[in-house]
């Protein structure tokens, strides 16, 4: 029996935590989402607005933990726009990255900080990564839904209407909320969390998104 067949009968859980040190709960076989709600930071929000106005081209790099601080500092320094919000954003990215390194025990991670102005992955799906950390600092954030409300056999070929049994059960993350999403790979051997990007393009909105991939 292959790994896909093995996971069909699993019921997965999504866990809300109060402290970043509890992120390792994502490693539990039956957990595919761990998330923590956080208060908005007005300084970071103002800095995000500056990035929106200055057509921030984004950061996309592979980092090793020993070089984490220097790489994040160097990449953010390329942007200019030196404000308190920039300092706070840098500290938060470093902190979240360090926590993610601890969870994954990875040698390298991909770090992406970008302004998003389109709907991205508008279809509900699972990731082909083992684990992914997401935090939307400004704008609408990722939407997800518990597995019991999903027709998983429609994930590849179906539309959102085919995939989702009850759209009232779709959950939307909030700005500054941070989450680790489990993907659906042979490495994880479990059902990945079903999620999608929020619809913002027709509204003319933007998002500032941090993504860490393992």
Protein backbone atom coordinates (compact mmCIF):
# COMPACT_ATOMS: atom_id res chain seq x y z
CA UNK A 1 0.00 0.00 0.00
CA UNK A 2 1.50 3.37 -0.94
CA UNK A 3 1.63 6.45 1.30
CA UNK A 4 -1.34 8.14 -0.42
CA UNK A 5 -3.58 5.15 0.28
CA UNK A 6 -2.35 4.99 3.87
CA UNK A 7 -3.61 8.49 4.75
CA UNK A 8 -7.13 8.25 3.33
CA UNK A 9 -8.77 7.33 6.66
CA UNK A 10 -6.86 9.85 8.79
CA UNK A 11 -8.76 12.68 10.45
CA UNK A 12 -6.53 15.72 10.79
CA UNK A 13 -6.57 18.50 13.35
CA UNK A 14 -5.72 22.19 13.32
CA UNK A 15 -4.21 23.59 16.50
CA UNK A 16 -4.24 27.17 17.79
CA UNK A 17 -1.30 28.00 20.05
CA UNK A 18 -0.45 30.93 22.31
CA UNK A 19 3.35 30.77 22.14
CA UNK A 20 5.77 30.31 19.25
CA UNK A 21 7.64 27.62 21.20
CA UNK A 22 4.58 25.40 20.68
CA UNK A 23 5.09 25.29 16.92
CA UNK A 24 6.62 21.76 17.11
CA UNK A 25 3.04 20.51 17.57
CA UNK A 26 2.90 20.60 13.76
CA UNK A 27 5.13 17.51 13.80
CA UNK A 28 2.31 15.39 15.22
CA UNK A 29 1.17 12.97 12.52
CA UNK A 30 -2.49 13.99 12.78
CA UNK A 31 -1.88 17.77 12.81
CA UNK A 32 -1.68 19.69 9.54
CA UNK A 33 -1.94 23.30 10.74
CA UNK A 34 -0.62 25.15 13.77
CA UNK A 35 -1.40 28.84 14.03
CA UNK A 36 -1.02 31.73 16.46
CA UNK A 37 -2.95 34.98 16.38
CA UNK A 38 -0.91 38.11 17.16
CA UNK A 39 -1.63 41.77 17.74
CA UNK A 40 -1.12 44.22 14.91
CA UNK A 41 1.99 46.37 15.00
CA UNK A 42 1.28 49.90 13.73
CA UNK A 43 4.96 50.58 12.94
CA UNK A 44 5.22 47.51 10.71
CA UNK A 45 1.91 48.38 9.05
CA UNK A 46 3.22 51.86 8.20
CA UNK A 47 6.41 50.31 6.81
CA UNK A 48 4.32 47.91 4.72
CA UNK A 49 2.51 50.91 3.24
CA UNK A 50 5.88 52.38 2.27
CA UNK A 51 6.83 49.13 0.55
CA UNK A 52 3.54 49.19 -1.35
CA UNK A 53 4.19 52.77 -2.47
CA UNK A 54 7.79 52.12 -3.54
CA UNK A 55 7.05 48.99 -5.61
CA UNK A 56 9.09 46.70 -3.37
CA UNK A 57 10.54 43.97 -5.60
CA UNK A 58 10.71 41.41 -2.82
CA UNK A 59 13.22 39.06 -1.22
CA UNK A 60 13.68 35.48 -2.39
CA UNK A 61 16.70 33.61 -1.09
CA UNK A 62 17.89 30.34 0.43
CA UNK A 63 19.32 30.79 3.91
CA UNK A 64 21.31 28.65 6.33
CA UNK A 65 20.72 29.23 10.03
CA UNK A 66 24.24 30.53 10.82
CA UNK A 67 23.83 33.21 8.15
CA UNK A 68 20.21 34.05 8.96
CA UNK A 69 20.74 37.38 10.70
CA UNK A 70 23.29 38.72 8.22
CA UNK A 71 21.24 37.66 5.18
CA UNK A 72 18.01 39.23 6.47
CA UNK A 73 19.87 42.41 7.43
CA UNK A 74 21.57 42.64 4.04
CA UNK A 75 18.39 41.99 2.07
CA UNK A 76 16.33 44.54 3.99
CA UNK A 77 19.13 47.12 3.80
CA UNK A 78 18.90 46.94 0.01
CA UNK A 79 15.39 48.37 0.29
CA UNK A 80 16.37 51.54 2.11
CA UNK A 81 13.40 53.26 3.81
CA UNK A 82 14.94 53.09 7.27
CA UNK A 83 12.16 53.30 9.87
CA UNK A 84 11.20 51.82 13.23
CA UNK A 85 8.83 49.56 11.32
CA UNK A 86 11.70 48.19 9.28
CA UNK A 87 13.64 47.35 12.44
CA UNK A 88 10.62 45.60 13.94
CA UNK A 89 9.92 43.71 10.72
CA UNK A 90 13.52 42.53 10.54
CA UNK A 91 13.41 41.32 14.15
CA UNK A 92 10.15 39.47 13.54
CA UNK A 93 11.38 37.77 10.37
CA UNK A 94 14.53 36.63 12.17
CA UNK A 95 12.55 35.37 15.16
CA UNK A 96 10.04 33.45 13.03
CA UNK A 97 12.83 32.02 10.88
CA UNK A 98 14.73 30.83 13.94
CA UNK A 99 11.60 29.15 15.27
CA UNK A 100 11.05 27.47 11.91
CA UNK A 101 14.63 26.23 11.81
CA UNK A 102 14.07 24.70 15.26
CA UNK A 103 10.91 22.93 14.11
CA UNK A 104 12.27 21.60 10.81
CA UNK A 105 15.90 20.95 11.82
CA UNK A 106 16.64 22.10 8.28
CA UNK A 107 20.08 23.00 6.97
CA UNK A 108 18.59 25.52 4.55
CA UNK A 109 15.22 27.23 4.16
CA UNK A 110 13.80 29.37 1.40
CA UNK A 111 12.77 32.82 2.63
CA UNK A 112 10.36 34.91 0.59
CA UNK A 113 9.08 38.37 1.51
CA UNK A 114 6.94 39.87 -1.21
CA UNK A 115 4.16 42.24 -2.08
CA UNK A 116 1.25 40.34 -3.61
CA UNK A 117 -1.29 42.16 -5.79
CA UNK A 118 -3.00 39.18 -7.44
CA UNK A 119 -5.07 36.23 -6.27
CA UNK A 120 -2.09 33.87 -6.38
CA UNK A 121 -3.30 30.33 -5.75
CA UNK A 122 -7.02 31.03 -5.94
CA UNK A 123 -7.95 27.36 -6.03
CA UNK A 124 -8.09 25.36 -2.80
CA UNK A 125 -5.12 23.00 -2.73
CA UNK A 126 -2.45 21.33 -0.62
CA UNK A 127 1.24 22.24 -0.84
CA UNK A 128 3.95 20.02 -2.26
CA UNK A 129 6.25 21.12 0.58
CA UNK A 130 6.74 19.27 3.84
CA UNK A 131 6.17 22.42 5.91
CA UNK A 132 5.55 26.08 5.09
CA UNK A 133 5.40 29.07 7.44
CA UNK A 134 3.16 31.96 6.42
CA UNK A 135 2.58 35.39 7.91
CA UNK A 136 0.70 38.17 6.14
CA UNK A 137 1.81 41.46 7.70
CA UNK A 138 -0.62 43.65 5.78
CA UNK A 139 -3.70 42.90 3.72
CA UNK A 140 -5.94 39.87 3.51
CA UNK A 141 -4.38 36.59 4.57
CA UNK A 142 -4.50 32.91 3.65
CA UNK A 143 -7.79 31.01 3.80
CA UNK A 144 -8.02 27.39 4.97
CA UNK A 145 -10.63 24.76 5.75
CA UNK A 146 -10.79 21.64 7.92
CA UNK A 147 -10.62 18.34 6.10
CA UNK A 148 -14.14 17.25 7.04
CA UNK A 149 -15.52 19.96 4.74
CA UNK A 150 -13.37 18.97 1.76
CA UNK A 151 -13.94 16.56 -1.13
CA UNK A 152 -10.31 15.54 -1.39
CA UNK A 153 -10.88 13.48 -4.52
CA UNK A 154 -11.71 16.75 -6.30
CA UNK A 155 -8.54 18.64 -5.31
CA UNK A 156 -6.74 18.02 -8.59
CA UNK A 157 -9.49 18.09 -11.20
CA UNK A 158 -12.36 19.91 -9.50
CA UNK A 159 -13.31 23.55 -9.07
CA UNK A 160 -13.55 25.24 -5.68
CA UNK A 161 -17.28 24.50 -5.75
CA UNK A 162 -16.48 20.81 -6.25
CA UNK A 163 -13.82 20.78 -3.53
CA UNK A 164 -15.57 22.64 -0.71
CA UNK A 165 -18.62 21.07 0.90
CA UNK A 166 -19.55 24.12 2.98
CA UNK A 167 -18.04 27.53 2.21
CA UNK A 168 -19.27 28.87 5.57
CA UNK A 169 -16.56 26.71 7.19
CA UNK A 170 -13.69 28.44 5.37
CA UNK A 171 -11.37 30.14 7.88
CA UNK A 172 -9.40 33.30 7.07
CA UNK A 173 -6.13 34.08 8.81
CA UNK A 174 -5.69 37.63 10.08
CA UNK A 175 -2.82 40.09 9.54
CA UNK A 176 0.18 39.22 11.76
CA UNK A 177 -1.24 35.76 12.43
CA UNK A 178 1.54 33.23 11.87
CA UNK A 179 0.99 29.63 10.86
CA UNK A 180 2.87 26.52 9.85
CA UNK A 181 1.07 24.52 7.19
CA UNK A 182 1.82 20.87 6.56
CA UNK A 183 1.97 19.84 2.93
CA UNK A 184 1.16 16.54 1.30
CA UNK A 185 4.36 14.70 0.41
CA UNK A 186 5.85 11.29 0.93
CA UNK A 187 8.01 12.91 3.62
CA UNK A 188 5.02 14.00 5.71
CA UNK A 189 2.90 10.96 4.90
CA UNK A 190 -0.28 12.77 6.01
CA UNK A 191 -3.08 14.90 4.60
CA UNK A 192 -1.89 18.44 3.96
CA UNK A 193 -4.02 21.39 5.01
CA UNK A 194 -6.34 22.58 2.23
CA UNK A 195 -5.97 26.31 1.68
CA UNK A 196 -5.86 29.12 -0.90
CA UNK A 197 -4.81 32.73 -1.40
CA UNK A 198 -7.44 35.41 -0.71
CA UNK A 199 -9.17 37.15 -3.60
CA UNK A 200 -7.71 40.68 -3.78
CA UNK A 201 -6.99 41.45 -7.44
CA UNK A 202 -10.42 42.78 -8.41
CA UNK A 203 -10.48 44.82 -5.20
CA UNK A 204 -7.17 46.51 -6.07
CA UNK A 205 -5.67 45.44 -2.74
CA UNK A 206 -2.14 44.36 -1.83
CA UNK A 207 -0.58 42.02 0.73
CA UNK A 208 2.84 41.90 2.38
CA UNK A 209 3.56 38.20 2.79
CA UNK A 210 6.37 36.32 4.52
CA UNK A 211 6.84 32.72 3.42
CA UNK A 212 9.35 30.15 4.63
CA UNK A 213 9.57 26.83 2.81
CA UNK A 214 10.99 23.52 3.96
